[in-house]
Amino acid sequence: MVYEHYDFARNPIVEDQAFSLESKCIRCGFRILARAIEELIEEEKKHRTACVLKPRQIIPA
């Protein structure tokens, strides 16, 4: 499978003075919340293998 560089939209979230990172899959809308970027990246990797919607097929020219 080939994934585009920007297959997740990332946003910082601050609620009640607590900082976290949100990541949303652009294909299926799955959301991930994490406290550290390392945790967020690891969860994104896990989701890429389990995402129900496959990436677009790249057709060679």
PDB file of N, CA and C in Angstrom:
ATOM      1  N   MET A   1       0.830  -1.184   0.000  1.00  0.00           N
ATOM      2  CA  MET A   1       0.000   0.000   0.000  1.00  0.00           C
ATOM      3  C   MET A   1       0.871   1.241   0.000  1.00  0.00           C
ATOM      4  N   VAL A   2       0.432   2.227  -0.754  1.00  0.00           N
ATOM      5  CA  VAL A   2       1.140   3.496  -0.797  1.00  0.00           C
ATOM      6  C   VAL A   2       0.253   4.558  -0.180  1.00  0.00           C
ATOM      7  N   TYR A   3       0.786   5.283   0.778  1.00  0.00           N
ATOM      8  CA  TYR A   3       0.037   6.361   1.418  1.00  0.00           C
ATOM      9  C   TYR A   3       0.666   7.689   1.052  1.00  0.00           C
ATOM     10  N   GLU A   4      -0.185   8.682   0.899  1.00  0.00           N
ATOM     11  CA  GLU A   4       0.302  10.018   0.638  1.00  0.00           C
ATOM     12  C   GLU A   4       0.929  10.581   1.907  1.00  0.00           C
ATOM     13  N   HIS A   5       1.750  11.587   1.730  1.00  0.00           N
ATOM     14  CA  HIS A   5       2.441  12.198   2.866  1.00  0.00           C
ATOM     15  C   HIS A   5       1.445  12.779   3.872  1.00  0.00           C
ATOM     16  N   TYR A   6       0.344  13.304   3.395  1.00  0.00           N
ATOM     17  CA  TYR A   6      -0.625  13.952   4.282  1.00  0.00           C
ATOM     18  C   TYR A   6      -1.898  13.127   4.376  1.00  0.00           C
ATOM     19  N   ASP A   7      -1.823  11.961   4.968  1.00  0.00           N
ATOM     20  CA  ASP A   7      -3.012  11.129   5.102  1.00  0.00           C
ATOM     21  C   ASP A   7      -3.724  11.348   6.437  1.00  0.00           C
ATOM     22  N   PHE A   8      -3.172  12.199   7.296  1.00  0.00           N
ATOM     23  CA  PHE A   8      -3.791  12.584   8.557  1.00  0.00           C
ATOM     24  C   PHE A   8      -3.761  14.103   8.684  1.00  0.00           C
ATOM     25  N   ALA A   9      -4.818  14.660   9.229  1.00  0.00           N
ATOM     26  CA  ALA A   9      -4.856  16.086   9.558  1.00  0.00           C
ATOM     27  C   ALA A   9      -4.595  16.204  11.052  1.00  0.00           C
ATOM     28  N   ARG A  10      -3.595  16.983  11.431  1.00  0.00           N
ATOM     29  CA  ARG A  10      -3.215  17.108  12.845  1.00  0.00           C
ATOM     30  C   ARG A  10      -3.574  18.479  13.392  1.00  0.00           C
ATOM     31  N   ASN A  11      -4.052  18.492  14.646  1.00  0.00           N
ATOM     32  CA  ASN A  11      -4.421  19.726  15.320  1.00  0.00           C
ATOM     33  C   ASN A  11      -4.050  19.652  16.790  1.00  0.00           C
ATOM     34  N   PRO A  12      -3.524  20.747  17.339  1.00  0.00           N
ATOM     35  CA  PRO A  12      -3.313  20.791  18.790  1.00  0.00           C
ATOM     36  C   PRO A  12      -4.638  21.097  19.479  1.00  0.00           C
ATOM     37  N   ILE A  13      -4.853  20.497  20.645  1.00  0.00           N
ATOM     38  CA  ILE A  13      -6.077  20.692  21.416  1.00  0.00           C
ATOM     39  C   ILE A  13      -5.690  21.124  22.831  1.00  0.00           C
ATOM     40  N   VAL A  14      -6.328  22.185  23.315  1.00  0.00           N
ATOM     41  CA  VAL A  14      -6.127  22.620  24.699  1.00  0.00           C
ATOM     42  C   VAL A  14      -7.494  22.700  25.366  1.00  0.00           C
ATOM     43  N   GLU A  15      -7.686  21.876  26.385  1.00  0.00           N
ATOM     44  CA  GLU A  15      -8.927  21.876  27.150  1.00  0.00           C
ATOM     45  C   GLU A  15      -8.583  21.855  28.630  1.00  0.00           C
ATOM     46  N   ASP A  16      -9.139  22.803  29.364  1.00  0.00           N
ATOM     47  CA  ASP A  16      -8.894  22.894  30.806  1.00  0.00           C
ATOM     48  C   ASP A  16      -7.407  22.875  31.124  1.00  0.00           C
ATOM     49  N   GLN A  17      -6.640  23.632  30.362  1.00  0.00           N
ATOM     50  CA  GLN A  17      -5.191  23.777  30.522  1.00  0.00           C
ATOM     51  C   GLN A  17      -4.439  22.472  30.306  1.00  0.00           C
ATOM     52  N   ALA A  18      -5.043  21.515  29.639  1.00  0.00           N
ATOM     53  CA  ALA A  18      -4.365  20.255  29.305  1.00  0.00           C
ATOM     54  C   ALA A  18      -4.144  20.222  27.799  1.00  0.00           C
ATOM     55  N   PHE A  19      -2.898  20.014  27.391  1.00  0.00           N
ATOM     56  CA  PHE A  19      -2.533  20.008  25.981  1.00  0.00           C
ATOM     57  C   PHE A  19      -2.519  18.580  25.449  1.00  0.00           C
ATOM     58  N   SER A  20      -3.109  18.390  24.280  1.00  0.00           N
ATOM     59  CA  SER A  20      -3.034  17.094  23.604  1.00  0.00           C
ATOM     60  C   SER A  20      -3.015  17.340  22.104  1.00  0.00           C
ATOM     61  N   LEU A  21      -2.710  16.302  21.371  1.00  0.00           N
ATOM     62  CA  LEU A  21      -2.659  16.366  19.919  1.00  0.00           C
ATOM     63  C   LEU A  21      -3.761  15.500  19.342  1.00  0.00           C
ATOM     64  N   GLU A  22      -4.427  16.013  18.327  1.00  0.00           N
ATOM     65  CA  GLU A  22      -5.471  15.252  17.652  1.00  0.00           C
ATOM     66  C   GLU A  22      -5.026  15.000  16.226  1.00  0.00           C
ATOM     67  N   SER A  23      -5.288  13.803  15.751  1.00  0.00           N
ATOM     68  CA  SER A  23      -4.993  13.423  14.385  1.00  0.00           C
ATOM     69  C   SER A  23      -6.237  12.770  13.809  1.00  0.00           C
ATOM     70  N   LYS A  24      -6.607  13.163  12.586  1.00  0.00           N
ATOM     71  CA  LYS A  24      -7.822  12.632  11.965  1.00  0.00           C
ATOM     72  C   LYS A  24      -7.464  12.059  10.593  1.00  0.00           C
ATOM     73  N   CYS A  25      -7.833  10.798  10.365  1.00  0.00           N
ATOM     74  CA  CYS A  25      -7.596  10.139   9.092  1.00  0.00           C
ATOM     75  C   CYS A  25      -8.436  10.835   8.017  1.00  0.00           C
ATOM     76  N   ILE A  26      -7.816  11.224   6.903  1.00  0.00           N
ATOM     77  CA  ILE A  26      -8.570  11.918   5.859  1.00  0.00           C
ATOM     78  C   ILE A  26      -9.423  10.962   5.043  1.00  0.00           C
ATOM     79  N   ARG A  27      -9.199   9.672   5.183  1.00  0.00           N
ATOM     80  CA  ARG A  27      -9.980   8.695   4.425  1.00  0.00           C
ATOM     81  C   ARG A  27     -11.263   8.282   5.146  1.00  0.00           C
ATOM     82  N   CYS A  28     -11.159   7.904   6.413  1.00  0.00           N
ATOM     83  CA  CYS A  28     -12.330   7.365   7.116  1.00  0.00           C
ATOM     84  C   CYS A  28     -12.807   8.235   8.279  1.00  0.00           C
ATOM     85  N   GLY A  29     -12.039   9.257   8.667  1.00  0.00           N
ATOM     86  CA  GLY A  29     -12.458  10.138   9.749  1.00  0.00           C
ATOM     87  C   GLY A  29     -12.087   9.660  11.140  1.00  0.00           C
ATOM     88  N   PHE A  30     -11.344   8.554  11.257  1.00  0.00           N
ATOM     89  CA  PHE A  30     -10.912   8.024  12.551  1.00  0.00           C
ATOM     90  C   PHE A  30     -10.065   9.074  13.271  1.00  0.00           C
ATOM     91  N   ARG A  31     -10.358   9.310  14.545  1.00  0.00           N
ATOM     92  CA  ARG A  31      -9.629  10.316  15.329  1.00  0.00           C
ATOM     93  C   ARG A  31      -8.741   9.663  16.378  1.00  0.00           C
ATOM     94  N   ILE A  32      -7.571  10.256  16.556  1.00  0.00           N
ATOM     95  CA  ILE A  32      -6.601   9.805  17.550  1.00  0.00           C
ATOM     96  C   ILE A  32      -6.276  10.992  18.441  1.00  0.00           C
ATOM     97  N   LEU A  33      -6.293  10.791  19.746  1.00  0.00           N
ATOM     98  CA  LEU A  33      -5.848  11.803  20.703  1.00  0.00           C
ATOM     99  C   LEU A  33      -4.637  11.266  21.441  1.00  0.00           C
ATOM    100  N   ALA A  34      -3.593  12.109  21.565  1.00  0.00           N
ATOM    101  CA  ALA A  34      -2.371  11.678  22.236  1.00  0.00           C
ATOM    102  C   ALA A  34      -1.759  12.861  22.974  1.00  0.00           C
ATOM    103  N   ARG A  35      -0.947  12.554  23.963  1.00  0.00           N
ATOM    104  CA  ARG A  35      -0.252  13.594  24.743  1.00  0.00           C
ATOM    105  C   ARG A  35       1.104  13.956  24.144  1.00  0.00           C
ATOM    106  N   ALA A  36       1.733  13.027  23.418  1.00  0.00           N
ATOM    107  CA  ALA A  36       3.065  13.256  22.864  1.00  0.00           C
ATOM    108  C   ALA A  36       3.074  12.914  21.378  1.00  0.00           C
ATOM    109  N   ILE A  37       3.927  13.595  20.613  1.00  0.00           N
ATOM    110  CA  ILE A  37       4.004  13.376  19.175  1.00  0.00           C
ATOM    111  C   ILE A  37       4.436  11.943  18.852  1.00  0.00           C
ATOM    112  N   GLU A  38       5.304  11.375  19.676  1.00  0.00           N
ATOM    113  CA  GLU A  38       5.751   9.997  19.441  1.00  0.00           C
ATOM    114  C   GLU A  38       4.583   9.018  19.534  1.00  0.00           C
ATOM    115  N   GLU A  39       3.729   9.228  20.530  1.00  0.00           N
ATOM    116  CA  GLU A  39       2.542   8.385  20.707  1.00  0.00           C
ATOM    117  C   GLU A  39       1.582   8.567  19.529  1.00  0.00           C
ATOM    118  N   LEU A  40       1.414   9.797  19.085  1.00  0.00           N
ATOM    119  CA  LEU A  40       0.523  10.094  17.967  1.00  0.00           C
ATOM    120  C   LEU A  40       1.007   9.405  16.690  1.00  0.00           C
ATOM    121  N   ILE A  41       2.290   9.496  16.408  1.00  0.00           N
ATOM    122  CA  ILE A  41       2.863   8.874  15.210  1.00  0.00           C
ATOM    123  C   ILE A  41       2.699   7.365  15.256  1.00  0.00           C
ATOM    124  N   GLU A  42       2.922   6.767  16.413  1.00  0.00           N
ATOM    125  CA  GLU A  42       2.772   5.318  16.557  1.00  0.00           C
ATOM    126  C   GLU A  42       1.322   4.884  16.317  1.00  0.00           C
ATOM    127  N   GLU A  43       0.373   5.638  16.854  1.00  0.00           N
ATOM    128  CA  GLU A  43      -1.042   5.312  16.648  1.00  0.00           C
ATOM    129  C   GLU A  43      -1.451   5.505  15.186  1.00  0.00           C
ATOM    130  N   GLU A  44      -0.894   6.511  14.515  1.00  0.00           N
ATOM    131  CA  GLU A  44      -1.160   6.705  13.091  1.00  0.00           C
ATOM    132  C   GLU A  44      -0.663   5.512  12.279  1.00  0.00           C
ATOM    133  N   LYS A  45       0.523   5.018  12.611  1.00  0.00           N
ATOM    134  CA  LYS A  45       1.073   3.839  11.917  1.00  0.00           C
ATOM    135  C   LYS A  45       0.154   2.637  12.077  1.00  0.00           C
ATOM    136  N   LYS A  46      -0.344   2.443  13.296  1.00  0.00           N
ATOM    137  CA  LYS A  46      -1.261   1.322  13.547  1.00  0.00           C
ATOM    138  C   LYS A  46      -2.537   1.463  12.724  1.00  0.00           C
ATOM    139  N   HIS A  47      -3.060   2.678  12.667  1.00  0.00           N
ATOM    140  CA  HIS A  47      -4.305   2.888  11.937  1.00  0.00           C
ATOM    141  C   HIS A  47      -4.117   2.688  10.428  1.00  0.00           C
ATOM    142  N   ARG A  48      -2.982   3.089   9.901  1.00  0.00           N
ATOM    143  CA  ARG A  48      -2.740   2.923   8.463  1.00  0.00           C
ATOM    144  C   ARG A  48      -2.889   1.468   8.026  1.00  0.00           C
ATOM    145  N   THR A  49      -2.470   0.548   8.873  1.00  0.00           N
ATOM    146  CA  THR A  49      -2.572  -0.872   8.513  1.00  0.00           C
ATOM    147  C   THR A  49      -3.990  -1.402   8.682  1.00  0.00           C
ATOM    148  N   ALA A  50      -4.810  -0.720   9.493  1.00  0.00           N
ATOM    149  CA  ALA A  50      -6.152  -1.214   9.778  1.00  0.00           C
ATOM    150  C   ALA A  50      -7.268  -0.371   9.152  1.00  0.00           C
ATOM    151  N   CYS A  51      -6.918   0.695   8.448  1.00  0.00           N
ATOM    152  CA  CYS A  51      -7.932   1.595   7.890  1.00  0.00           C
ATOM    153  C   CYS A  51      -8.823   0.852   6.906  1.00  0.00           C
ATOM    154  N   VAL A  52     -10.128   1.023   7.061  1.00  0.00           N
ATOM    155  CA  VAL A  52     -11.085   0.311   6.215  1.00  0.00           C
ATOM    156  C   VAL A  52     -11.129   0.867   4.796  1.00  0.00           C
ATOM    157  N   LEU A  53     -10.742   2.118   4.611  1.00  0.00           N
ATOM    158  CA  LEU A  53     -10.734   2.724   3.285  1.00  0.00           C
ATOM    159  C   LEU A  53      -9.318   2.735   2.748  1.00  0.00           C
ATOM    160  N   LYS A  54      -9.114   2.121   1.628  1.00  0.00           N
ATOM    161  CA  LYS A  54      -7.777   1.992   1.043  1.00  0.00           C
ATOM    162  C   LYS A  54      -7.382   3.288   0.336  1.00  0.00           C
ATOM    163  N   PRO A  55      -6.073   3.562   0.263  1.00  0.00           N
ATOM    164  CA  PRO A  55      -5.610   4.754  -0.442  1.00  0.00           C
ATOM    165  C   PRO A  55      -5.874   4.634  -1.936  1.00  0.00           C
ATOM    166  N   ARG A  56      -5.860   5.774  -2.599  1.00  0.00           N
ATOM    167  CA  ARG A  56      -6.063   5.779  -4.053  1.00  0.00           C
ATOM    168  C   ARG A  56      -4.955   4.980  -4.722  1.00  0.00           C
ATOM    169  N   GLN A  57      -5.316   4.281  -5.758  1.00  0.00           N
ATOM    170  CA  GLN A  57      -4.340   3.523  -6.530  1.00  0.00           C
ATOM    171  C   GLN A  57      -3.584   4.488  -7.444  1.00  0.00           C
ATOM    172  N   ILE A  58      -2.274   4.368  -7.491  1.00  0.00           N
ATOM    173  CA  ILE A  58      -1.463   5.190  -8.363  1.00  0.00           C
ATOM    174  C   ILE A  58      -1.207   4.404  -9.630  1.00  0.00           C
ATOM    175  N   ILE A  59      -1.644   4.968 -10.745  1.00  0.00           N
ATOM    176  CA  ILE A  59      -1.488   4.295 -12.035  1.00  0.00           C
ATOM    177  C   ILE A  59      -0.278   4.884 -12.730  1.00  0.00           C
ATOM    178  N   PRO A  60       0.710   4.018 -13.073  1.00  0.00           N
ATOM    179  CA  PRO A  60       1.902   4.540 -13.746  1.00  0.00           C
ATOM    180  C   PRO A  60       1.551   5.114 -15.109  1.00  0.00           C
ATOM    181  N   ALA A  61       2.256   6.175 -15.472  1.00  0.00           N
ATOM    182  CA  ALA A  61       1.993   6.852 -16.766  1.00  0.00           C
ATOM    183  C   ALA A  61       2.616   6.107 -17.918  1.00  0.00           C
TER     184      ALA A  61
END
